């Protein structure tokens, strides 16, 4: 599956957060590029890419090798919440219903 997220955090900080977060899930960092990372573990394999977009945005593109809504995909979404909280610590996430 593919997942996307935009943030105001610089690409280097997004990658540092990813290295920290996915290591806690038991995923090992594989190939390292300037703006991309590959992580592999019991949950599967994923590739995370970041690129500057529109001046002050960072676009995060994550692709997993899992079909459907796997545990790895749910953890990618939790990572996006972590990125969002890092960008705006005072924002309270609430249900929209």
C-alpha atoms as a PDB file:
ATOM      1  CA  UNK A   1       0.000   0.000   0.000  1.00  0.00           C
ATOM      2  CA  UNK A   2       1.019   3.610  -0.428  1.00  0.00           C
ATOM      3  CA  UNK A   3       0.561   6.370   2.101  1.00  0.00           C
ATOM      4  CA  UNK A   4       1.127  10.124   1.776  1.00  0.00           C
ATOM      5  CA  UNK A   5       1.497  12.972   4.251  1.00  0.00           C
ATOM      6  CA  UNK A   6       2.506  16.659   4.088  1.00  0.00           C
ATOM      7  CA  UNK A   7       4.180  18.504   6.924  1.00  0.00           C
ATOM      8  CA  UNK A   8       6.067  21.696   7.703  1.00  0.00           C
ATOM      9  CA  UNK A   9       8.972  19.766   9.265  1.00  0.00           C
ATOM     10  CA  UNK A  10      12.228  19.789   7.217  1.00  0.00           C
ATOM     11  CA  UNK A  11      13.080  16.533   5.376  1.00  0.00           C
ATOM     12  CA  UNK A  12      16.109  15.772   7.585  1.00  0.00           C
ATOM     13  CA  UNK A  13      13.947  15.933  10.719  1.00  0.00           C
ATOM     14  CA  UNK A  14      11.273  13.715   9.130  1.00  0.00           C
ATOM     15  CA  UNK A  15      13.928  11.086   8.383  1.00  0.00           C
ATOM     16  CA  UNK A  16      15.361  11.339  11.910  1.00  0.00           C
ATOM     17  CA  UNK A  17      11.877  10.786  13.379  1.00  0.00           C
ATOM     18  CA  UNK A  18      11.423   7.790  11.074  1.00  0.00           C
ATOM     19  CA  UNK A  19      14.738   6.245  12.128  1.00  0.00           C
ATOM     20  CA  UNK A  20      13.750   6.595  15.770  1.00  0.00           C
ATOM     21  CA  UNK A  21      10.130   5.438  15.412  1.00  0.00           C
ATOM     22  CA  UNK A  22      10.593   2.411  13.165  1.00  0.00           C
ATOM     23  CA  UNK A  23      13.545   1.139  15.220  1.00  0.00           C
ATOM     24  CA  UNK A  24      11.170   0.831  18.205  1.00  0.00           C
ATOM     25  CA  UNK A  25       8.987  -1.487  16.077  1.00  0.00           C
ATOM     26  CA  UNK A  26      11.879  -3.853  15.448  1.00  0.00           C
ATOM     27  CA  UNK A  27      12.422  -2.745  11.855  1.00  0.00           C
ATOM     28  CA  UNK A  28      16.029  -2.483  10.738  1.00  0.00           C
ATOM     29  CA  UNK A  29      17.139   0.307   8.470  1.00  0.00           C
ATOM     30  CA  UNK A  30      18.418  -0.950   5.154  1.00  0.00           C
ATOM     31  CA  UNK A  31      19.311   1.189   2.172  1.00  0.00           C
ATOM     32  CA  UNK A  32      19.986   4.801   3.091  1.00  0.00           C
ATOM     33  CA  UNK A  33      19.827   7.559   0.535  1.00  0.00           C
ATOM     34  CA  UNK A  34      19.802  11.312   0.923  1.00  0.00           C
ATOM     35  CA  UNK A  35      16.000  11.519   1.023  1.00  0.00           C
ATOM     36  CA  UNK A  36      14.879   7.909   1.335  1.00  0.00           C
ATOM     37  CA  UNK A  37      15.032   4.995   3.748  1.00  0.00           C
ATOM     38  CA  UNK A  38      14.151   1.304   3.552  1.00  0.00           C
ATOM     39  CA  UNK A  39      13.086  -0.583   6.678  1.00  0.00           C
ATOM     40  CA  UNK A  40      12.700  -4.369   6.996  1.00  0.00           C
ATOM     41  CA  UNK A  41      11.451  -6.575   9.799  1.00  0.00           C
ATOM     42  CA  UNK A  42       8.865  -9.098  10.917  1.00  0.00           C
ATOM     43  CA  UNK A  43       6.055  -6.707   9.941  1.00  0.00           C
ATOM     44  CA  UNK A  44       7.292  -6.443   6.338  1.00  0.00           C
ATOM     45  CA  UNK A  45       9.319  -4.083   4.195  1.00  0.00           C
ATOM     46  CA  UNK A  46       8.660  -0.421   3.607  1.00  0.00           C
ATOM     47  CA  UNK A  47      10.264   2.441   1.719  1.00  0.00           C
ATOM     48  CA  UNK A  48       9.973   6.010   2.981  1.00  0.00           C
ATOM     49  CA  UNK A  49      10.805   8.938   0.681  1.00  0.00           C
ATOM     50  CA  UNK A  50      10.695  12.648   1.457  1.00  0.00           C
ATOM     51  CA  UNK A  51      10.922  15.628  -0.835  1.00  0.00           C
ATOM     52  CA  UNK A  52      10.606  19.380  -0.380  1.00  0.00           C
ATOM     53  CA  UNK A  53       7.405  20.629  -1.926  1.00  0.00           C
ATOM     54  CA  UNK A  54       6.021  24.115  -2.434  1.00  0.00           C
ATOM     55  CA  UNK A  55       8.742  25.921  -0.525  1.00  0.00           C
ATOM     56  CA  UNK A  56       7.797  25.167   3.074  1.00  0.00           C
ATOM     57  CA  UNK A  57       6.164  21.741   2.844  1.00  0.00           C
ATOM     58  CA  UNK A  58       7.755  18.312   3.019  1.00  0.00           C
ATOM     59  CA  UNK A  59       5.967  15.522   1.160  1.00  0.00           C
ATOM     60  CA  UNK A  60       6.287  12.066   2.747  1.00  0.00           C
ATOM     61  CA  UNK A  61       5.645   9.018   0.530  1.00  0.00           C
ATOM     62  CA  UNK A  62       5.606   5.577   2.158  1.00  0.00           C
ATOM     63  CA  UNK A  63       5.158   2.313   0.290  1.00  0.00           C
ATOM     64  CA  UNK A  64       4.794  -1.047   2.042  1.00  0.00           C
ATOM     65  CA  UNK A  65       4.926  -4.545   0.596  1.00  0.00           C
ATOM     66  CA  UNK A  66       1.803  -5.549   2.517  1.00  0.00           C
ATOM     67  CA  UNK A  67      -1.635  -6.007   0.919  1.00  0.00           C
ATOM     68  CA  UNK A  68      -4.591  -4.308   2.551  1.00  0.00           C
ATOM     69  CA  UNK A  69      -4.520  -2.795   6.009  1.00  0.00           C
ATOM     70  CA  UNK A  70      -1.636  -4.616   7.720  1.00  0.00           C
ATOM     71  CA  UNK A  71       0.016  -3.923  11.073  1.00  0.00           C
ATOM     72  CA  UNK A  72       2.830  -2.204   9.195  1.00  0.00           C
ATOM     73  CA  UNK A  73       0.348   0.109   7.450  1.00  0.00           C
ATOM     74  CA  UNK A  74      -1.304   1.001  10.753  1.00  0.00           C
ATOM     75  CA  UNK A  75       2.102   1.821  12.214  1.00  0.00           C
ATOM     76  CA  UNK A  76       2.878   4.049   9.226  1.00  0.00           C
ATOM     77  CA  UNK A  77      -0.288   5.991  10.027  1.00  0.00           C
ATOM     78  CA  UNK A  78       0.816   6.253  13.668  1.00  0.00           C
ATOM     79  CA  UNK A  79       4.135   7.591  12.430  1.00  0.00           C
ATOM     80  CA  UNK A  80       2.244  10.312  10.516  1.00  0.00           C
ATOM     81  CA  UNK A  81       0.491  11.261  13.774  1.00  0.00           C
ATOM     82  CA  UNK A  82       3.912  11.470  15.453  1.00  0.00           C
ATOM     83  CA  UNK A  83       5.118  13.771  12.644  1.00  0.00           C
ATOM     84  CA  UNK A  84       1.984  15.902  13.001  1.00  0.00           C
ATOM     85  CA  UNK A  85       2.442  16.202  16.767  1.00  0.00           C
ATOM     86  CA  UNK A  86       6.077  17.147  16.266  1.00  0.00           C
ATOM     87  CA  UNK A  87       5.056  19.898  13.828  1.00  0.00           C
ATOM     88  CA  UNK A  88       2.325  21.273  16.100  1.00  0.00           C
ATOM     89  CA  UNK A  89       2.598  20.017  19.714  1.00  0.00           C
ATOM     90  CA  UNK A  90      -0.336  22.155  20.912  1.00  0.00           C
ATOM     91  CA  UNK A  91      -2.830  20.736  18.411  1.00  0.00           C
ATOM     92  CA  UNK A  92      -5.340  18.355  19.960  1.00  0.00           C
ATOM     93  CA  UNK A  93      -6.505  15.552  17.686  1.00  0.00           C
ATOM     94  CA  UNK A  94     -10.270  15.063  17.959  1.00  0.00           C
ATOM     95  CA  UNK A  95     -12.881  12.931  16.280  1.00  0.00           C
ATOM     96  CA  UNK A  96     -14.638  14.748  13.448  1.00  0.00           C
ATOM     97  CA  UNK A  97     -18.176  13.500  13.951  1.00  0.00           C
END
